[in-house]
């Protein structure tokens, strides 16, 4: 599958943005543009470019802050990153290297210098990805569990275990894995794959029933994780066979989570006592002891929390947020603590990533 290599340019100089865009388009690259750090972070997290060109001097957050956030995210830590700078001092070079920058281009630089730097970093990343995929396939062939690699829902690889489980043959390459999933779960697995491919982390296993080409039904737990192929992102799916008892617990957990979400969408508060009643009504006595109750969006964010979240995504410090919203530093700390608790974030970086990947913050794009 031929997929254009995506390059993200982050620079607040509009003339340079246009110049670099035209140059890279002429070399058959797909170009994404951002005029400030917040836009750049959002595009990096949502579009997953193959390489980032970033100016060190940006208005809202500088290039070093952008790089620091991206290197701390498990979704973007390995994206090749090249700084463009007018201040090529030894101190700036050292700061960038400590943060993990891949290369520096000192302005003014020639078109040839830029293209050579881009090509070198892209080629190196592709070689590393190919080695990683090779190791993954080697592991997949020795595990008894089914594994497939999916891109846009279509199987680009499946191991021998999954081939035997589903009775697949060579004609089944590039078929959608969802075609082998029974009932309504087929569409839900499709959405699961789409979310994983754009970088949303799904930690809990998903229950579904596979139906092979002979009509046999196999209950499975599905684990999904994002994977980087040569020049695009896909999804690695692990299928572990399960027994009927486990399947029942997982299915009831899913039903419970769905019901909680519906209630919250209708602005109905889900108190601990209500949760307990829902658990008892959806599962039998034995299952209720085993039920692990997890659900997304356990509490709605307040208007003030959303304001704090948006300013955090724009790179505002705690004191700057307090000044902007006319509240105390302590109040900002309290709102951030609530946000991190509600989103299961361990740091402000995790919080920013959560906001972008779940479309909680709208960053206005200006070119």
Protein backbone atom coordinates (compact mmCIF):
# COMPACT_ATOMS: atom_id res chain seq x y z
CA UNK A 1 0.00 0.00 0.00
CA UNK A 2 1.52 3.32 -1.09
CA UNK A 3 1.01 5.94 1.58
CA UNK A 4 2.41 9.47 1.36
CA UNK A 5 4.94 10.37 4.03
CA UNK A 6 3.51 13.07 6.32
CA UNK A 7 5.69 15.95 7.46
CA UNK A 8 4.50 18.47 10.06
CA UNK A 9 5.97 22.00 9.91
CA UNK A 10 5.62 24.19 13.01
CA UNK A 11 6.67 27.80 12.46
CA UNK A 12 5.06 31.19 13.15
CA UNK A 13 6.67 32.74 10.06
CA UNK A 14 3.98 32.43 7.38
CA UNK A 15 6.32 33.08 4.45
CA UNK A 16 8.63 30.25 5.50
CA UNK A 17 5.66 27.94 6.10
CA UNK A 18 4.47 28.47 2.52
CA UNK A 19 7.98 28.11 1.09
CA UNK A 20 8.65 24.83 2.90
CA UNK A 21 5.20 23.52 2.04
CA UNK A 22 5.76 24.07 -1.70
CA UNK A 23 9.23 22.51 -1.51
CA UNK A 24 8.06 19.37 0.28
CA UNK A 25 4.97 18.99 -1.91
CA UNK A 26 7.26 19.08 -4.96
CA UNK A 27 9.07 16.05 -3.48
CA UNK A 28 5.76 14.15 -3.05
CA UNK A 29 5.50 14.57 0.73
CA UNK A 30 2.16 15.21 2.45
CA UNK A 31 2.45 18.47 4.43
CA UNK A 32 0.75 19.48 7.67
CA UNK A 33 1.20 23.06 8.96
CA UNK A 34 0.94 24.73 12.36
CA UNK A 35 1.68 28.34 13.24
CA UNK A 36 2.19 27.80 16.99
CA UNK A 37 3.15 25.12 19.49
CA UNK A 38 -0.39 24.23 20.61
CA UNK A 39 -1.52 23.64 17.01
CA UNK A 40 1.62 21.61 16.40
CA UNK A 41 1.00 19.38 19.42
CA UNK A 42 -2.59 18.79 18.40
CA UNK A 43 -1.64 17.86 14.84
CA UNK A 44 1.20 15.62 16.03
CA UNK A 45 -1.10 13.72 18.37
CA UNK A 46 -4.03 13.46 15.95
CA UNK A 47 -2.28 13.02 12.58
CA UNK A 48 0.90 11.16 13.63
CA UNK A 49 3.37 12.66 11.13
CA UNK A 50 6.42 10.72 9.99
CA UNK A 51 8.67 13.70 10.74
CA UNK A 52 8.40 17.12 12.39
CA UNK A 53 10.18 20.35 11.39
CA UNK A 54 9.85 22.86 14.22
CA UNK A 55 11.12 26.38 14.82
CA UNK A 56 12.72 26.88 18.24
CA UNK A 57 11.11 30.32 18.74
CA UNK A 58 7.31 30.09 18.94
CA UNK A 59 4.90 32.50 20.59
CA UNK A 60 2.83 30.38 22.97
CA UNK A 61 5.28 27.60 23.82
CA UNK A 62 8.74 27.36 22.32
CA UNK A 63 10.03 24.46 20.25
CA UNK A 64 11.83 22.95 23.22
CA UNK A 65 8.57 22.69 25.15
CA UNK A 66 6.88 21.09 22.14
CA UNK A 67 9.67 18.53 21.84
CA UNK A 68 9.56 17.79 25.57
CA UNK A 69 5.83 17.00 25.46
CA UNK A 70 6.16 14.81 22.37
CA UNK A 71 9.09 12.85 23.78
CA UNK A 72 7.14 12.13 26.98
CA UNK A 73 4.13 10.72 25.09
CA UNK A 74 4.17 7.02 24.24
CA UNK A 75 2.31 7.90 21.02
CA UNK A 76 4.85 10.42 19.67
CA UNK A 77 8.15 9.74 21.44
CA UNK A 78 9.78 8.18 18.37
CA UNK A 79 8.77 10.73 15.68
CA UNK A 80 11.94 12.15 14.03
CA UNK A 81 12.21 15.79 15.08
CA UNK A 82 14.32 18.50 13.40
CA UNK A 83 14.77 21.98 14.86
CA UNK A 84 14.96 25.05 12.63
CA UNK A 85 16.69 27.89 14.46
CA UNK A 86 18.19 31.34 13.92
CA UNK A 87 20.14 31.00 17.15
CA UNK A 88 22.63 28.22 16.54
CA UNK A 89 24.58 28.55 19.78
CA UNK A 90 26.29 25.63 21.50
CA UNK A 91 23.95 26.07 24.47
CA UNK A 92 20.85 25.70 22.26
CA UNK A 93 22.31 22.65 20.52
CA UNK A 94 23.03 21.04 23.88
CA UNK A 95 19.51 21.80 25.16
CA UNK A 96 17.97 20.22 22.07
CA UNK A 97 20.16 17.12 22.22
CA UNK A 98 19.29 16.58 25.89
CA UNK A 99 15.59 16.62 24.95
CA UNK A 100 16.14 14.14 22.13
CA UNK A 101 16.14 16.25 18.95
CA UNK A 102 17.34 14.37 15.86
CA UNK A 103 18.90 17.24 13.90
CA UNK A 104 19.33 21.04 13.69
CA UNK A 105 18.98 23.28 10.64
CA UNK A 106 20.41 26.77 11.19
CA UNK A 107 18.55 29.51 9.31
CA UNK A 108 19.04 30.46 6.59
CA UNK A 109 19.44 26.94 5.16
CA UNK A 110 19.27 25.78 1.56
CA UNK A 111 16.55 23.62 0.04
CA UNK A 112 19.12 20.88 -0.52
CA UNK A 113 20.12 20.90 3.16
CA UNK A 114 16.48 20.56 4.23
CA UNK A 115 15.62 17.74 1.80
CA UNK A 116 18.78 15.80 2.70
CA UNK A 117 18.07 16.12 6.43
CA UNK A 118 14.46 14.98 5.96
CA UNK A 119 15.40 12.02 3.75
CA UNK A 120 18.14 10.83 6.11
CA UNK A 121 15.84 10.81 9.14
CA UNK A 122 12.92 9.19 7.27
CA UNK A 123 15.15 6.43 5.87
CA UNK A 124 16.60 5.69 9.31
CA UNK A 125 13.14 5.51 10.90
CA UNK A 126 11.89 3.15 8.19
CA UNK A 127 14.80 0.77 8.75
CA UNK A 128 14.10 0.69 12.49
CA UNK A 129 10.39 0.08 11.84
CA UNK A 130 11.12 -2.76 9.44
CA UNK A 131 13.37 -4.43 12.02
CA UNK A 132 10.66 -4.00 14.69
CA UNK A 133 7.95 -5.49 12.47
CA UNK A 134 10.26 -8.39 11.65
CA UNK A 135 10.81 -9.12 15.36
CA UNK A 136 7.06 -8.86 16.02
CA UNK A 137 6.24 -11.36 13.25
CA UNK A 138 8.90 -13.76 14.58
CA UNK A 139 7.26 -13.63 18.01
CA UNK A 140 3.79 -13.98 16.50
CA UNK A 141 4.71 -17.28 14.87
CA UNK A 142 5.67 -18.93 18.17
CA UNK A 143 2.70 -17.81 20.29
CA UNK A 144 -0.40 -20.04 20.50
CA UNK A 145 -2.64 -16.93 20.45
CA UNK A 146 -4.01 -15.36 17.30
CA UNK A 147 -2.33 -12.13 16.16
CA UNK A 148 -3.07 -9.90 13.21
CA UNK A 149 -1.78 -6.54 12.03
CA UNK A 150 -4.48 -4.29 10.68
CA UNK A 151 -4.34 -1.08 8.68
CA UNK A 152 -7.61 0.82 8.19
CA UNK A 153 -9.41 -2.30 9.39
CA UNK A 154 -7.84 -4.62 6.80
CA UNK A 155 -5.52 -7.47 7.71
CA UNK A 156 -2.06 -6.91 6.26
CA UNK A 157 -0.64 -9.84 8.25
CA UNK A 158 -1.92 -12.68 10.44
CA UNK A 159 0.01 -15.42 12.21
CA UNK A 160 -0.36 -19.19 11.84
CA UNK A 161 -2.44 -19.49 15.03
CA UNK A 162 -5.08 -17.05 13.76
CA UNK A 163 -4.98 -18.66 10.32
CA UNK A 164 -5.83 -22.06 11.88
CA UNK A 165 -8.43 -20.56 14.23
CA UNK A 166 -10.37 -18.81 11.44
CA UNK A 167 -9.49 -21.31 8.66
CA UNK A 168 -7.96 -18.53 6.57
CA UNK A 169 -6.26 -18.87 3.20
CA UNK A 170 -4.26 -16.54 0.92
CA UNK A 171 -7.45 -15.01 -0.47
CA UNK A 172 -8.28 -13.61 2.96
CA UNK A 173 -5.38 -11.16 2.98
CA UNK A 174 -6.65 -7.56 3.07
CA UNK A 175 -10.06 -8.67 4.32
CA UNK A 176 -11.45 -6.81 7.30
CA UNK A 177 -11.01 -8.71 10.57
CA UNK A 178 -14.46 -7.47 11.58
CA UNK A 179 -15.99 -9.82 8.98
CA UNK A 180 -15.08 -12.70 11.29
CA UNK A 181 -16.70 -11.19 14.39
CA UNK A 182 -20.24 -12.20 15.33
CA UNK A 183 -23.14 -9.79 15.89
CA UNK A 184 -23.06 -6.15 17.00
CA UNK A 185 -19.51 -6.55 18.32
CA UNK A 186 -18.29 -6.44 14.70
CA UNK A 187 -19.02 -2.72 14.41
CA UNK A 188 -17.69 -2.05 17.91
CA UNK A 189 -14.39 -3.75 17.08
CA UNK A 190 -14.21 -1.62 13.94
CA UNK A 191 -14.53 1.52 16.09
CA UNK A 192 -12.00 0.10 18.56
CA UNK A 193 -9.44 -0.33 15.75
CA UNK A 194 -10.09 3.21 14.47
CA UNK A 195 -9.51 4.66 17.94
CA UNK A 196 -6.30 2.72 18.47
CA UNK A 197 -4.95 3.74 15.04
CA UNK A 198 -5.33 7.44 15.91
CA UNK A 199 -3.50 6.97 19.20
CA UNK A 200 -6.23 6.48 21.83
CA UNK A 201 -4.98 3.97 24.38
CA UNK A 202 -7.32 1.04 25.09
CA UNK A 203 -6.03 -0.87 28.11
CA UNK A 204 -8.99 -3.12 28.87
CA UNK A 205 -9.63 -6.31 26.84
CA UNK A 206 -12.68 -6.39 24.58
CA UNK A 207 -14.93 -9.45 24.47
CA UNK A 208 -16.22 -10.74 21.14
CA UNK A 209 -17.19 -14.00 19.44
CA UNK A 210 -15.19 -15.00 16.37
CA UNK A 211 -16.89 -17.04 13.68
CA UNK A 212 -14.52 -18.95 11.43
CA UNK A 213 -15.12 -19.94 7.79
CA UNK A 214 -16.54 -23.31 8.88
CA UNK A 215 -19.16 -21.59 11.05
CA UNK A 216 -17.57 -22.45 14.41
CA UNK A 217 -17.95 -19.76 17.11
CA UNK A 218 -15.01 -18.97 19.38
CA UNK A 219 -15.32 -16.54 22.34
CA UNK A 220 -12.19 -14.41 22.71
CA UNK A 221 -10.66 -11.50 24.58
CA UNK A 222 -9.23 -8.95 22.15
CA UNK A 223 -6.29 -6.74 23.11
CA UNK A 224 -5.42 -3.86 20.78
CA UNK A 225 -2.36 -1.64 20.54
CA UNK A 226 -1.12 0.85 17.97
CA UNK A 227 1.83 -0.07 15.79
CA UNK A 228 3.98 1.94 13.35
CA UNK A 229 4.53 0.33 9.96
CA UNK A 230 6.98 1.65 7.36
CA UNK A 231 5.13 4.91 6.74
CA UNK A 232 1.76 4.61 8.43
CA UNK A 233 0.09 3.64 11.70
CA UNK A 234 -1.97 0.52 12.18
CA UNK A 235 -3.29 -1.74 14.90
CA UNK A 236 -1.97 -4.99 16.35
CA UNK A 237 -4.75 -7.27 17.61
CA UNK A 238 -4.19 -10.17 20.01
CA UNK A 239 -6.95 -12.81 20.27
CA UNK A 240 -6.99 -15.01 23.39
CA UNK A 241 -9.60 -17.76 23.59
CA UNK A 242 -11.73 -17.66 26.73
CA UNK A 243 -14.38 -19.83 28.40
CA UNK A 244 -18.09 -19.01 28.63
CA UNK A 245 -17.93 -17.91 32.29
CA UNK A 246 -15.26 -15.28 31.60
CA UNK A 247 -17.13 -14.21 28.49
CA UNK A 248 -20.28 -13.60 30.52
CA UNK A 249 -18.46 -11.43 33.05
CA UNK A 250 -16.83 -9.35 30.32
CA UNK A 251 -20.06 -8.95 28.35
CA UNK A 252 -21.91 -7.75 31.46
CA UNK A 253 -19.09 -5.33 32.24
CA UNK A 254 -19.49 -3.87 28.76
CA UNK A 255 -23.27 -3.56 29.17
CA UNK A 256 -22.77 -1.82 32.49
CA UNK A 257 -20.27 0.66 31.05
CA UNK A 258 -22.61 1.43 28.16
CA UNK A 259 -25.50 2.09 30.55
CA UNK A 260 -23.36 4.38 32.71
CA UNK A 261 -22.35 6.38 29.64
CA UNK A 262 -25.98 6.79 28.51
CA UNK A 263 -27.00 8.01 31.97
CA UNK A 264 -24.20 10.57 32.02
CA UNK A 265 -25.11 11.83 28.54
CA UNK A 266 -28.59 12.53 29.94
CA UNK A 267 -26.97 14.45 32.85
CA UNK A 268 -28.07 11.81 35.38
CA UNK A 269 -25.62 11.62 38.27
CA UNK A 270 -24.25 8.12 38.86
CA UNK A 271 -23.65 7.85 42.59
CA UNK A 272 -21.77 4.96 44.23
CA UNK A 273 -25.05 3.50 45.52
CA UNK A 274 -26.60 3.66 42.03
CA UNK A 275 -23.54 1.94 40.56
CA UNK A 276 -23.90 -0.87 43.10
CA UNK A 277 -27.57 -1.35 42.19
CA UNK A 278 -26.72 -1.44 38.49
CA UNK A 279 -24.04 -4.07 39.08
CA UNK A 280 -26.48 -6.25 41.04
CA UNK A 281 -29.16 -5.92 38.38
CA UNK A 282 -26.87 -6.84 35.46
CA UNK A 283 -24.88 -9.72 36.93
CA UNK A 284 -25.60 -12.78 39.03
CA UNK A 285 -24.20 -13.29 42.51
CA UNK A 286 -21.10 -15.19 41.40
CA UNK A 287 -20.25 -12.81 38.61
CA UNK A 288 -20.66 -9.69 40.74
CA UNK A 289 -17.67 -10.81 42.83
CA UNK A 290 -15.50 -11.04 39.73
CA UNK A 291 -16.77 -7.95 37.91
CA UNK A 292 -14.13 -5.29 37.33
CA UNK A 293 -15.98 -2.04 36.95
CA UNK A 294 -14.22 0.42 34.65
CA UNK A 295 -15.84 3.05 32.50
CA UNK A 296 -14.74 6.08 30.52
CA UNK A 297 -15.67 9.60 31.52
CA UNK A 298 -16.66 8.68 35.07
CA UNK A 299 -17.35 12.34 35.83
CA UNK A 300 -18.21 15.26 33.60
CA UNK A 301 -15.79 18.17 33.44
CA UNK A 302 -17.00 21.53 34.74
CA UNK A 303 -16.86 24.71 32.67
CA UNK A 304 -13.99 26.04 34.77
CA UNK A 305 -12.07 22.77 34.46
CA UNK A 306 -12.41 22.94 30.68
CA UNK A 307 -11.04 26.51 30.75
CA UNK A 308 -8.03 25.38 32.78
CA UNK A 309 -7.57 22.43 30.43
CA UNK A 310 -7.63 24.63 27.31
CA UNK A 311 -5.07 27.08 28.72
CA UNK A 312 -2.85 24.17 29.76
CA UNK A 313 -2.96 22.89 26.19
CA UNK A 314 -1.81 26.33 25.01
CA UNK A 315 1.27 26.03 27.23
CA UNK A 316 0.16 28.42 29.99
CA UNK A 317 1.93 28.01 33.34
CA UNK A 318 -0.02 27.67 36.59
CA UNK A 319 0.48 31.36 37.44
CA UNK A 320 -0.48 32.45 33.90
CA UNK A 321 -3.72 30.43 34.10
CA UNK A 322 -4.53 32.01 37.47
CA UNK A 323 -3.93 35.50 36.04
CA UNK A 324 -5.99 34.78 32.90
CA UNK A 325 -9.00 33.41 34.82
CA UNK A 326 -8.67 35.82 37.79
CA UNK A 327 -8.42 32.99 40.32
CA UNK A 328 -5.75 31.98 42.83
CA UNK A 329 -2.82 29.66 42.14
CA UNK A 330 -4.25 27.24 44.69
CA UNK A 331 -7.59 27.12 42.85
CA UNK A 332 -5.80 26.32 39.59
CA UNK A 333 -3.91 23.52 41.36
CA UNK A 334 -7.21 22.14 42.64
CA UNK A 335 -8.79 22.19 39.16
CA UNK A 336 -5.74 20.50 37.64
CA UNK A 337 -5.83 17.83 40.34
CA UNK A 338 -9.52 17.20 39.58
CA UNK A 339 -8.79 17.02 35.85
CA UNK A 340 -5.99 14.52 36.34
CA UNK A 341 -8.16 12.40 38.61
CA UNK A 342 -11.12 12.38 36.20
CA UNK A 343 -8.95 11.56 33.17
CA UNK A 344 -6.62 9.11 34.95
CA UNK A 345 -3.66 11.32 33.97
CA UNK A 346 -0.39 11.09 35.88
CA UNK A 347 1.02 14.43 34.72
CA UNK A 348 0.07 17.64 32.93
CA UNK A 349 1.61 16.15 29.77
CA UNK A 350 -0.79 13.17 30.01
CA UNK A 351 -3.62 15.64 30.55
CA UNK A 352 -2.76 17.62 27.39
CA UNK A 353 -2.53 14.41 25.36
CA UNK A 354 -5.89 13.23 26.73
CA UNK A 355 -7.51 16.55 25.77
CA UNK A 356 -6.23 16.44 22.19
CA UNK A 357 -6.94 12.76 21.54
CA UNK A 358 -10.50 13.07 22.90
CA UNK A 359 -11.25 16.39 21.14
CA UNK A 360 -11.92 18.22 24.41
CA UNK A 361 -10.03 21.33 23.29
CA UNK A 362 -10.45 23.18 20.02
CA UNK A 363 -7.22 24.78 18.80
CA UNK A 364 -7.83 27.41 16.13
CA UNK A 365 -5.59 26.85 13.13
CA UNK A 366 -4.03 29.97 11.59
CA UNK A 367 -1.72 29.94 8.58
